[in-house]
Amino acid sequence: MNKKAVFDITVNPKSSKSEAVLDSSGNIKVYLNSPPVDGKANKECIQVLSKKLKTAKSNIVIEKGEQGRHKRISVSGMSVEEVMAKIEGKGK
């Protein structure tokens, strides 16, 4: 079965930390060290998500919002529930 999780995130470029977290309202926030220049923040965003979700970077695609802070991400091979659990730190 080919699962695909599609979800929205908010990125915070030029942050002091580099991580993906759930905020108090259950939205995914990704903090990035990189400035939003030359796609650096998008590249780091995929790296951070890849590490947090323990999946290959090639499974993660920015579907929408490459230029903005609000992005739609798709991850192949995972359900949205699995993504949320891993970002909350409850994933395997």
C-alpha atoms as a PDB file:
ATOM      1  CA  MET A   1       0.000   0.000   0.000  1.00  0.00           C
ATOM      2  CA  ASN A   2       1.346   3.403  -0.936  1.00  0.00           C
ATOM      3  CA  LYS A   3       0.776   5.779   1.965  1.00  0.00           C
ATOM      4  CA  LYS A   4       1.343   9.485   1.704  1.00  0.00           C
ATOM      5  CA  ALA A   5       0.999  12.049   4.474  1.00  0.00           C
ATOM      6  CA  VAL A   6       0.182  15.597   3.420  1.00  0.00           C
ATOM      7  CA  PHE A   7       0.288  18.292   6.081  1.00  0.00           C
ATOM      8  CA  ASP A   8       0.941  21.994   6.554  1.00  0.00           C
ATOM      9  CA  ILE A   9       3.822  23.481   8.503  1.00  0.00           C
ATOM     10  CA  THR A  10       5.038  26.928   9.480  1.00  0.00           C
ATOM     11  CA  VAL A  11       8.746  27.611   9.217  1.00  0.00           C
ATOM     12  CA  ASN A  12      10.779  30.029  11.311  1.00  0.00           C
ATOM     13  CA  PRO A  13      13.981  30.821   9.422  1.00  0.00           C
ATOM     14  CA  LYS A  14      17.041  32.364  11.093  1.00  0.00           C
ATOM     15  CA  SER A  15      16.135  30.708  14.391  1.00  0.00           C
ATOM     16  CA  SER A  16      18.658  29.815  17.089  1.00  0.00           C
ATOM     17  CA  LYS A  17      17.599  26.176  16.955  1.00  0.00           C
ATOM     18  CA  SER A  18      16.971  23.713  14.175  1.00  0.00           C
ATOM     19  CA  GLU A  19      14.064  21.411  14.972  1.00  0.00           C
ATOM     20  CA  ALA A  20      10.476  20.383  14.246  1.00  0.00           C
ATOM     21  CA  VAL A  21       7.914  20.665  17.059  1.00  0.00           C
ATOM     22  CA  LEU A  22       4.174  20.747  17.666  1.00  0.00           C
ATOM     23  CA  ASP A  23       2.953  24.053  19.021  1.00  0.00           C
ATOM     24  CA  SER A  24       0.242  24.402  21.665  1.00  0.00           C
ATOM     25  CA  SER A  25      -2.525  24.269  19.052  1.00  0.00           C
ATOM     26  CA  GLY A  26      -1.182  21.089  17.454  1.00  0.00           C
ATOM     27  CA  ASN A  27       0.394  22.723  14.401  1.00  0.00           C
ATOM     28  CA  ILE A  28       3.803  21.670  13.146  1.00  0.00           C
ATOM     29  CA  LYS A  29       6.465  24.363  13.419  1.00  0.00           C
ATOM     30  CA  VAL A  30       9.917  23.934  11.945  1.00  0.00           C
ATOM     31  CA  TYR A  31      12.694  26.137  13.284  1.00  0.00           C
ATOM     32  CA  LEU A  32      15.620  26.634  10.912  1.00  0.00           C
ATOM     33  CA  ASN A  33      19.058  28.198  11.314  1.00  0.00           C
ATOM     34  CA  SER A  34      19.221  29.031   7.608  1.00  0.00           C
ATOM     35  CA  PRO A  35      18.036  32.332   6.184  1.00  0.00           C
ATOM     36  CA  PRO A  36      15.340  32.109   3.486  1.00  0.00           C
ATOM     37  CA  VAL A  37      17.880  32.689   0.686  1.00  0.00           C
ATOM     38  CA  ASP A  38      18.592  30.554  -2.404  1.00  0.00           C
ATOM     39  CA  GLY A  39      16.409  27.708  -1.133  1.00  0.00           C
ATOM     40  CA  LYS A  40      18.687  27.169   1.897  1.00  0.00           C
ATOM     41  CA  ALA A  41      15.778  27.215   4.352  1.00  0.00           C
ATOM     42  CA  ASN A  42      13.786  24.743   2.230  1.00  0.00           C
ATOM     43  CA  LYS A  43      16.771  22.401   2.068  1.00  0.00           C
ATOM     44  CA  GLU A  44      17.270  22.590   5.827  1.00  0.00           C
ATOM     45  CA  CYS A  45      13.525  22.152   6.374  1.00  0.00           C
ATOM     46  CA  ILE A  46      13.614  18.834   4.482  1.00  0.00           C
ATOM     47  CA  GLN A  47      16.746  17.784   6.421  1.00  0.00           C
ATOM     48  CA  VAL A  48      15.148  18.552   9.790  1.00  0.00           C
ATOM     49  CA  LEU A  49      11.936  16.702   8.866  1.00  0.00           C
ATOM     50  CA  SER A  50      13.899  13.765   7.459  1.00  0.00           C
ATOM     51  CA  LYS A  51      15.846  13.384  10.712  1.00  0.00           C
ATOM     52  CA  LYS A  52      12.777  13.857  12.931  1.00  0.00           C
ATOM     53  CA  LEU A  53      10.620  11.437  10.913  1.00  0.00           C
ATOM     54  CA  LYS A  54      13.483   8.982  10.347  1.00  0.00           C
ATOM     55  CA  THR A  55      12.792   8.792   6.630  1.00  0.00           C
ATOM     56  CA  ALA A  56      14.835   9.503   3.506  1.00  0.00           C
ATOM     57  CA  LYS A  57      14.990  13.108   2.323  1.00  0.00           C
ATOM     58  CA  SER A  58      13.813  11.863  -1.072  1.00  0.00           C
ATOM     59  CA  ASN A  59      10.459  10.905   0.531  1.00  0.00           C
ATOM     60  CA  ILE A  60       9.772  14.506   1.538  1.00  0.00           C
ATOM     61  CA  VAL A  61       8.441  17.074  -0.929  1.00  0.00           C
ATOM     62  CA  ILE A  62       7.447  20.708  -0.448  1.00  0.00           C
ATOM     63  CA  GLU A  63       4.211  20.714  -2.435  1.00  0.00           C
ATOM     64  CA  LYS A  64       3.275  24.342  -1.848  1.00  0.00           C
ATOM     65  CA  GLY A  65       4.761  27.446  -0.328  1.00  0.00           C
ATOM     66  CA  GLU A  66       8.421  27.247  -1.347  1.00  0.00           C
ATOM     67  CA  GLN A  67       8.632  31.045  -1.067  1.00  0.00           C
ATOM     68  CA  GLY A  68       6.588  31.501   2.100  1.00  0.00           C
ATOM     69  CA  ARG A  69       6.598  30.598   5.767  1.00  0.00           C
ATOM     70  CA  HIS A  70       3.526  28.379   5.368  1.00  0.00           C
ATOM     71  CA  LYS A  71       4.301  25.213   3.462  1.00  0.00           C
ATOM     72  CA  ARG A  72       2.430  22.077   2.466  1.00  0.00           C
ATOM     73  CA  ILE A  73       4.615  19.010   2.833  1.00  0.00           C
ATOM     74  CA  SER A  74       4.059  15.485   1.583  1.00  0.00           C
ATOM     75  CA  VAL A  75       5.873  12.448   2.960  1.00  0.00           C
ATOM     76  CA  SER A  76       5.751   9.142   1.085  1.00  0.00           C
ATOM     77  CA  GLY A  77       5.364   5.930   3.041  1.00  0.00           C
ATOM     78  CA  MET A  78       3.808   7.458   6.174  1.00  0.00           C
ATOM     79  CA  SER A  79       0.375   8.386   7.420  1.00  0.00           C
ATOM     80  CA  VAL A  80      -0.379  11.783   8.943  1.00  0.00           C
ATOM     81  CA  GLU A  81      -0.875  10.008  12.303  1.00  0.00           C
ATOM     82  CA  GLU A  82       2.649   8.536  12.102  1.00  0.00           C
ATOM     83  CA  VAL A  83       4.090  11.939  11.208  1.00  0.00           C
ATOM     84  CA  MET A  84       2.326  13.616  14.147  1.00  0.00           C
ATOM     85  CA  ALA A  85       3.408  10.888  16.571  1.00  0.00           C
ATOM     86  CA  LYS A  86       7.056  11.202  15.510  1.00  0.00           C
ATOM     87  CA  ILE A  87       7.040  14.990  15.723  1.00  0.00           C
ATOM     88  CA  GLU A  88       5.484  14.758  19.190  1.00  0.00           C
ATOM     89  CA  GLY A  89       8.291  12.364  20.064  1.00  0.00           C
ATOM     90  CA  LYS A  90       6.052   9.334  20.484  1.00  0.00           C
ATOM     91  CA  GLY A  91       7.066   7.601  17.264  1.00  0.00           C
ATOM     92  CA  LYS A  92       9.163   4.467  17.106  1.00  0.00           C
END
